[in-house]
C-alpha atoms as a PDB file:
ATOM      1  CA  UNK A   1      -5.665 -63.242  50.167  1.00  0.00           C
ATOM      2  CA  UNK A   2      -7.906 -64.814  47.450  1.00  0.00           C
ATOM      3  CA  UNK A   3     -10.699 -62.554  46.042  1.00  0.00           C
ATOM      4  CA  UNK A   4     -13.505 -64.801  47.442  1.00  0.00           C
ATOM      5  CA  UNK A   5     -11.919 -64.716  50.837  1.00  0.00           C
ATOM      6  CA  UNK A   6     -11.680 -61.105  50.693  1.00  0.00           C
ATOM      7  CA  UNK A   7     -15.235 -60.698  49.598  1.00  0.00           C
ATOM      8  CA  UNK A   8     -16.529 -63.036  52.537  1.00  0.00           C
ATOM      9  CA  UNK A   9     -14.380 -61.329  55.094  1.00  0.00           C
ATOM     10  CA  UNK A  10     -15.820 -57.964  53.862  1.00  0.00           C
ATOM     11  CA  UNK A  11     -19.443 -59.438  53.985  1.00  0.00           C
ATOM     12  CA  UNK A  12     -18.870 -60.822  57.436  1.00  0.00           C
ATOM     13  CA  UNK A  13     -17.496 -57.486  58.701  1.00  0.00           C
ATOM     14  CA  UNK A  14     -20.542 -55.564  57.228  1.00  0.00           C
ATOM     15  CA  UNK A  15     -23.027 -57.909  58.753  1.00  0.00           C
ATOM     16  CA  UNK A  16     -21.531 -57.817  62.239  1.00  0.00           C
ATOM     17  CA  UNK A  17     -20.819 -54.061  61.960  1.00  0.00           C
ATOM     18  CA  UNK A  18     -23.956 -52.796  60.308  1.00  0.00           C
ATOM     19  CA  UNK A  19     -26.727 -55.376  60.534  1.00  0.00           C
ATOM     20  CA  UNK A  20     -25.598 -57.581  63.404  1.00  0.00           C
ATOM     21  CA  UNK A  21     -27.630 -60.393  61.871  1.00  0.00           C
ATOM     22  CA  UNK A  22     -29.134 -61.336  58.692  1.00  0.00           C
ATOM     23  CA  UNK A  23     -31.917 -63.911  58.037  1.00  0.00           C
ATOM     24  CA  UNK A  24     -31.450 -66.876  55.634  1.00  0.00           C
ATOM     25  CA  UNK A  25     -34.558 -65.798  53.817  1.00  0.00           C
ATOM     26  CA  UNK A  26     -32.954 -62.640  52.675  1.00  0.00           C
ATOM     27  CA  UNK A  27     -29.338 -63.498  52.617  1.00  0.00           C
ATOM     28  CA  UNK A  28     -29.321 -63.068  48.598  1.00  0.00           C
ATOM     29  CA  UNK A  29     -30.539 -59.603  48.945  1.00  0.00           C
ATOM     30  CA  UNK A  30     -27.628 -58.753  51.462  1.00  0.00           C
ATOM     31  CA  UNK A  31     -25.014 -60.409  49.162  1.00  0.00           C
ATOM     32  CA  UNK A  32     -26.450 -58.475  46.202  1.00  0.00           C
ATOM     33  CA  UNK A  33     -25.982 -55.268  48.087  1.00  0.00           C
ATOM     34  CA  UNK A  34     -22.462 -56.155  49.150  1.00  0.00           C
ATOM     35  CA  UNK A  35     -21.758 -57.166  45.500  1.00  0.00           C
ATOM     36  CA  UNK A  36     -23.016 -53.871  44.243  1.00  0.00           C
ATOM     37  CA  UNK A  37     -20.853 -51.925  46.784  1.00  0.00           C
ATOM     38  CA  UNK A  38     -17.973 -53.932  45.964  1.00  0.00           C
ATOM     39  CA  UNK A  39     -18.199 -53.559  42.143  1.00  0.00           C
ATOM     40  CA  UNK A  40     -18.767 -49.779  42.364  1.00  0.00           C
ATOM     41  CA  UNK A  41     -16.191 -48.941  45.095  1.00  0.00           C
ATOM     42  CA  UNK A  42     -14.289 -46.706  42.784  1.00  0.00           C
ATOM     43  CA  UNK A  43     -17.331 -44.524  41.808  1.00  0.00           C
ATOM     44  CA  UNK A  44     -18.429 -41.312  43.555  1.00  0.00           C
ATOM     45  CA  UNK A  45     -21.725 -41.809  45.712  1.00  0.00           C
ATOM     46  CA  UNK A  46     -23.642 -39.666  43.197  1.00  0.00           C
ATOM     47  CA  UNK A  47     -22.310 -41.817  40.321  1.00  0.00           C
ATOM     48  CA  UNK A  48     -23.290 -45.064  42.294  1.00  0.00           C
ATOM     49  CA  UNK A  49     -26.657 -43.656  43.066  1.00  0.00           C
ATOM     50  CA  UNK A  50     -27.578 -42.937  39.369  1.00  0.00           C
ATOM     51  CA  UNK A  51     -26.453 -46.380  38.380  1.00  0.00           C
ATOM     52  CA  UNK A  52     -28.534 -47.960  41.187  1.00  0.00           C
ATOM     53  CA  UNK A  53     -31.530 -46.054  40.004  1.00  0.00           C
ATOM     54  CA  UNK A  54     -30.879 -47.251  36.281  1.00  0.00           C
ATOM     55  CA  UNK A  55     -30.943 -50.764  37.589  1.00  0.00           C
ATOM     56  CA  UNK A  56     -34.480 -50.435  38.998  1.00  0.00           C
ATOM     57  CA  UNK A  57     -36.150 -50.812  35.702  1.00  0.00           C
ATOM     58  CA  UNK A  58     -39.737 -49.995  36.811  1.00  0.00           C
ATOM     59  CA  UNK A  59     -39.863 -53.093  39.196  1.00  0.00           C
ATOM     60  CA  UNK A  60     -41.490 -53.202  42.554  1.00  0.00           C
ATOM     61  CA  UNK A  61     -41.236 -55.442  45.441  1.00  0.00           C
ATOM     62  CA  UNK A  62     -44.513 -55.915  47.134  1.00  0.00           C
ATOM     63  CA  UNK A  63     -44.920 -56.721  50.845  1.00  0.00           C
ATOM     64  CA  UNK A  64     -46.361 -60.020  49.871  1.00  0.00           C
ATOM     65  CA  UNK A  65     -43.268 -60.998  47.861  1.00  0.00           C
ATOM     66  CA  UNK A  66     -40.984 -59.631  50.660  1.00  0.00           C
ATOM     67  CA  UNK A  67     -42.597 -62.026  53.383  1.00  0.00           C
ATOM     68  CA  UNK A  68     -43.139 -65.038  51.062  1.00  0.00           C
ATOM     69  CA  UNK A  69     -41.312 -68.107  51.997  1.00  0.00           C
END
């Protein structure tokens, strides 16, 4: 299987198995989450968590930004 096909199969399995549905508005956030998981699959959970915290960089997502079109 090609890499992109594997990735899309994995995304679909997660959507149907975990979320059951994703909105078009937030699809990029879901894809970013899946990409992060895929790219760090060989790390231990604590290592992945430290990496995640390092990526935050003092940014915040306000509710207004979250619901904006």
